[in-house]
Structure formats: structure tokens, C-alpha cells
Amino acid sequence: MEGNIAWILTAAALVLFMVPGLALFYGGMVRAKNALNMLNMNM
């Protein structure tokens, strides 16, 4: 049971790190004036 909880917490931490990283990645692919809009769309 403890292994399951540890795995769920690890997966949740990876997702929490992935979302802002993906937002910054997509923000870097658009023009500077559209970057803030792209960041908001990913959140």
C-alpha cells in the first residue's frame, strides 16, 4: 500500500513540473507579443 502512495505522489510531482515546462516551451514557439496569451492558455 505504501508503494502505491509513493508512486501516486511521484507521478503527481512530475505532472506539476511538466505543466509549467510545457507552457514555457509553447510560449517560446510564438511571437513575443503572443507569449503571455500562450502561457495563459496552457494553464
PDB file of N, CA and C in Angstrom:
ATOM      1  N   MET A   1       0.822  -1.203   0.000  1.00  0.00           N
ATOM      2  CA  MET A   1       0.000   0.000   0.000  1.00  0.00           C
ATOM      3  C   MET A   1       0.862   1.262   0.000  1.00  0.00           C
ATOM      4  N   GLU A   2       1.959   1.232   0.747  1.00  0.00           N
ATOM      5  CA  GLU A   2       2.815   2.410   0.826  1.00  0.00           C
ATOM      6  C   GLU A   2       3.508   2.679  -0.511  1.00  0.00           C
ATOM      7  N   GLY A   3       3.797   1.618  -1.248  1.00  0.00           N
ATOM      8  CA  GLY A   3       4.398   1.799  -2.561  1.00  0.00           C
ATOM      9  C   GLY A   3       3.455   2.482  -3.527  1.00  0.00           C
ATOM     10  N   ASN A   4       2.160   2.158  -3.423  1.00  0.00           N
ATOM     11  CA  ASN A   4       1.175   2.800  -4.285  1.00  0.00           C
ATOM     12  C   ASN A   4       1.084   4.299  -4.004  1.00  0.00           C
ATOM     13  N   ILE A   5       1.100   4.650  -2.736  1.00  0.00           N
ATOM     14  CA  ILE A   5       1.011   6.067  -2.363  1.00  0.00           C
ATOM     15  C   ILE A   5       2.257   6.806  -2.840  1.00  0.00           C
ATOM     16  N   ALA A   6       3.410   6.193  -2.691  1.00  0.00           N
ATOM     17  CA  ALA A   6       4.647   6.832  -3.138  1.00  0.00           C
ATOM     18  C   ALA A   6       4.638   7.020  -4.648  1.00  0.00           C
ATOM     19  N   TRP A   7       4.145   6.059  -5.391  1.00  0.00           N
ATOM     20  CA  TRP A   7       4.088   6.186  -6.844  1.00  0.00           C
ATOM     21  C   TRP A   7       3.131   7.288  -7.273  1.00  0.00           C
ATOM     22  N   ILE A   8       1.960   7.382  -6.617  1.00  0.00           N
ATOM     23  CA  ILE A   8       0.986   8.429  -6.950  1.00  0.00           C
ATOM     24  C   ILE A   8       1.566   9.806  -6.646  1.00  0.00           C
ATOM     25  N   LEU A   9       2.248   9.960  -5.531  1.00  0.00           N
ATOM     26  CA  LEU A   9       2.861  11.246  -5.193  1.00  0.00           C
ATOM     27  C   LEU A   9       3.975  11.597  -6.177  1.00  0.00           C
ATOM     28  N   THR A  10       4.762  10.610  -6.597  1.00  0.00           N
ATOM     29  CA  THR A  10       5.822  10.856  -7.573  1.00  0.00           C
ATOM     30  C   THR A  10       5.236  11.275  -8.910  1.00  0.00           C
ATOM     31  N   ALA A  11       4.201  10.588  -9.360  1.00  0.00           N
ATOM     32  CA  ALA A  11       3.565  10.932 -10.632  1.00  0.00           C
ATOM     33  C   ALA A  11       2.932  12.323 -10.558  1.00  0.00           C
ATOM     34  N   ALA A  12       2.314  12.654  -9.441  1.00  0.00           N
ATOM     35  CA  ALA A  12       1.705  13.983  -9.293  1.00  0.00           C
ATOM     36  C   ALA A  12       2.771  15.072  -9.326  1.00  0.00           C
ATOM     37  N   ALA A  13       3.916  14.827  -8.688  1.00  0.00           N
ATOM     38  CA  ALA A  13       5.003  15.811  -8.706  1.00  0.00           C
ATOM     39  C   ALA A  13       5.534  16.007 -10.127  1.00  0.00           C
ATOM     40  N   LEU A  14       5.646  14.920 -10.888  1.00  0.00           N
ATOM     41  CA  LEU A  14       6.118  15.040 -12.271  1.00  0.00           C
ATOM     42  C   LEU A  14       5.143  15.843 -13.117  1.00  0.00           C
ATOM     43  N   VAL A  15       3.868  15.643 -12.919  1.00  0.00           N
ATOM     44  CA  VAL A  15       2.863  16.404 -13.675  1.00  0.00           C
ATOM     45  C   VAL A  15       2.927  17.875 -13.295  1.00  0.00           C
ATOM     46  N   LEU A  16       3.087  18.179 -12.006  1.00  0.00           N
ATOM     47  CA  LEU A  16       3.163  19.573 -11.581  1.00  0.00           C
ATOM     48  C   LEU A  16       4.389  20.272 -12.155  1.00  0.00           C
ATOM     49  N   PHE A  17       5.487  19.544 -12.375  1.00  0.00           N
ATOM     50  CA  PHE A  17       6.659  20.135 -13.019  1.00  0.00           C
ATOM     51  C   PHE A  17       6.491  20.203 -14.532  1.00  0.00           C
ATOM     52  N   MET A  18       5.719  19.287 -15.106  1.00  0.00           N
ATOM     53  CA  MET A  18       5.578  19.219 -16.554  1.00  0.00           C
ATOM     54  C   MET A  18       4.727  20.363 -17.094  1.00  0.00           C
ATOM     55  N   VAL A  19       3.653  20.732 -16.392  1.00  0.00           N
ATOM     56  CA  VAL A  19       2.703  21.715 -16.917  1.00  0.00           C
ATOM     57  C   VAL A  19       3.368  23.080 -17.151  1.00  0.00           C
ATOM     58  N   PRO A  20       4.079  23.665 -16.177  1.00  0.00           N
ATOM     59  CA  PRO A  20       4.730  24.946 -16.470  1.00  0.00           C
ATOM     60  C   PRO A  20       5.846  24.811 -17.503  1.00  0.00           C
ATOM     61  N   GLY A  21       6.544  23.694 -17.512  1.00  0.00           N
ATOM     62  CA  GLY A  21       7.585  23.492 -18.513  1.00  0.00           C
ATOM     63  C   GLY A  21       7.016  23.443 -19.913  1.00  0.00           C
ATOM     64  N   LEU A  22       5.895  22.774 -20.077  1.00  0.00           N
ATOM     65  CA  LEU A  22       5.242  22.718 -21.378  1.00  0.00           C
ATOM     66  C   LEU A  22       4.710  24.090 -21.766  1.00  0.00           C
ATOM     67  N   ALA A  23       4.193  24.834 -20.805  1.00  0.00           N
ATOM     68  CA  ALA A  23       3.700  26.182 -21.093  1.00  0.00           C
ATOM     69  C   ALA A  23       4.839  27.083 -21.567  1.00  0.00           C
ATOM     70  N   LEU A  24       5.989  26.995 -20.922  1.00  0.00           N
ATOM     71  CA  LEU A  24       7.133  27.803 -21.348  1.00  0.00           C
ATOM     72  C   LEU A  24       7.648  27.358 -22.707  1.00  0.00           C
ATOM     73  N   PHE A  25       7.595  26.072 -22.995  1.00  0.00           N
ATOM     74  CA  PHE A  25       8.006  25.561 -24.300  1.00  0.00           C
ATOM     75  C   PHE A  25       7.122  26.132 -25.403  1.00  0.00           C
ATOM     76  N   TYR A  26       5.804  26.058 -25.210  1.00  0.00           N
ATOM     77  CA  TYR A  26       4.885  26.607 -26.208  1.00  0.00           C
ATOM     78  C   TYR A  26       4.988  28.127 -26.268  1.00  0.00           C
ATOM     79  N   GLY A  27       5.244  28.778 -25.134  1.00  0.00           N
ATOM     80  CA  GLY A  27       5.414  30.228 -25.130  1.00  0.00           C
ATOM     81  C   GLY A  27       6.618  30.672 -25.931  1.00  0.00           C
ATOM     82  N   GLY A  28       7.653  29.826 -25.987  1.00  0.00           N
ATOM     83  CA  GLY A  28       8.840  30.157 -26.762  1.00  0.00           C
ATOM     84  C   GLY A  28       8.662  29.940 -28.253  1.00  0.00           C
ATOM     85  N   MET A  29       7.591  29.266 -28.655  1.00  0.00           N
ATOM     86  CA  MET A  29       7.378  28.984 -30.074  1.00  0.00           C
ATOM     87  C   MET A  29       6.551  30.053 -30.775  1.00  0.00           C
ATOM     88  N   VAL A  30       6.025  31.026 -30.023  1.00  0.00           N
ATOM     89  CA  VAL A  30       5.186  32.065 -30.626  1.00  0.00           C
ATOM     90  C   VAL A  30       5.915  33.399 -30.539  1.00  0.00           C
ATOM     91  N   ARG A  31       5.355  34.406 -31.192  1.00  0.00           N
ATOM     92  CA  ARG A  31       5.943  35.742 -31.128  1.00  0.00           C
ATOM     93  C   ARG A  31       5.881  36.276 -29.704  1.00  0.00           C
ATOM     94  N   ALA A  32       6.730  37.253 -29.419  1.00  0.00           N
ATOM     95  CA  ALA A  32       6.823  37.798 -28.063  1.00  0.00           C
ATOM     96  C   ALA A  32       5.502  38.404 -27.614  1.00  0.00           C
ATOM     97  N   LYS A  33       4.772  39.056 -28.528  1.00  0.00           N
ATOM     98  CA  LYS A  33       3.527  39.692 -28.126  1.00  0.00           C
ATOM     99  C   LYS A  33       2.438  38.670 -27.820  1.00  0.00           C
ATOM    100  N   ASN A  34       2.578  37.431 -28.288  1.00  0.00           N
ATOM    101  CA  ASN A  34       1.583  36.392 -28.036  1.00  0.00           C
ATOM    102  C   ASN A  34       2.005  35.420 -26.939  1.00  0.00           C
ATOM    103  N   ALA A  35       3.183  35.602 -26.368  1.00  0.00           N
ATOM    104  CA  ALA A  35       3.705  34.632 -25.403  1.00  0.00           C
ATOM    105  C   ALA A  35       2.855  34.565 -24.144  1.00  0.00           C
ATOM    106  N   LEU A  36       2.425  35.716 -23.632  1.00  0.00           N
ATOM    107  CA  LEU A  36       1.629  35.715 -22.401  1.00  0.00           C
ATOM    108  C   LEU A  36       0.289  35.020 -22.621  1.00  0.00           C
ATOM    109  N   ASN A  37      -0.317  35.249 -23.767  1.00  0.00           N
ATOM    110  CA  ASN A  37      -1.574  34.575 -24.090  1.00  0.00           C
ATOM    111  C   ASN A  37      -1.373  33.061 -24.165  1.00  0.00           C
ATOM    112  N   MET A  38      -0.269  32.621 -24.740  1.00  0.00           N
ATOM    113  CA  MET A  38       0.000  31.189 -24.847  1.00  0.00           C
ATOM    114  C   MET A  38       0.237  30.565 -23.477  1.00  0.00           C
ATOM    115  N   LEU A  39       0.924  31.291 -22.607  1.00  0.00           N
ATOM    116  CA  LEU A  39       1.138  30.784 -21.240  1.00  0.00           C
ATOM    117  C   LEU A  39      -0.195  30.625 -20.523  1.00  0.00           C
ATOM    118  N   ASN A  40      -1.070  31.593 -20.676  1.00  0.00           N
ATOM    119  CA  ASN A  40      -2.389  31.508 -20.023  1.00  0.00           C
ATOM    120  C   ASN A  40      -3.218  30.369 -20.599  1.00  0.00           C
ATOM    121  N   MET A  41      -3.108  30.121 -21.893  1.00  0.00           N
ATOM    122  CA  MET A  41      -3.878  29.037 -22.492  1.00  0.00           C
ATOM    123  C   MET A  41      -3.421  27.676 -21.975  1.00  0.00           C
ATOM    124  N   ASN A  42      -2.161  27.535 -21.635  1.00  0.00           N
ATOM    125  CA  ASN A  42      -1.654  26.265 -21.117  1.00  0.00           C
ATOM    126  C   ASN A  42      -2.013  26.053 -19.654  1.00  0.00           C
ATOM    127  N   MET A  43      -2.264  27.105 -18.948  1.00  0.00           N
ATOM    128  CA  MET A  43      -2.653  26.958 -17.541  1.00  0.00           C
ATOM    129  C   MET A  43      -4.147  26.764 -17.450  1.00  0.00           C
TER     130      MET A  43
END
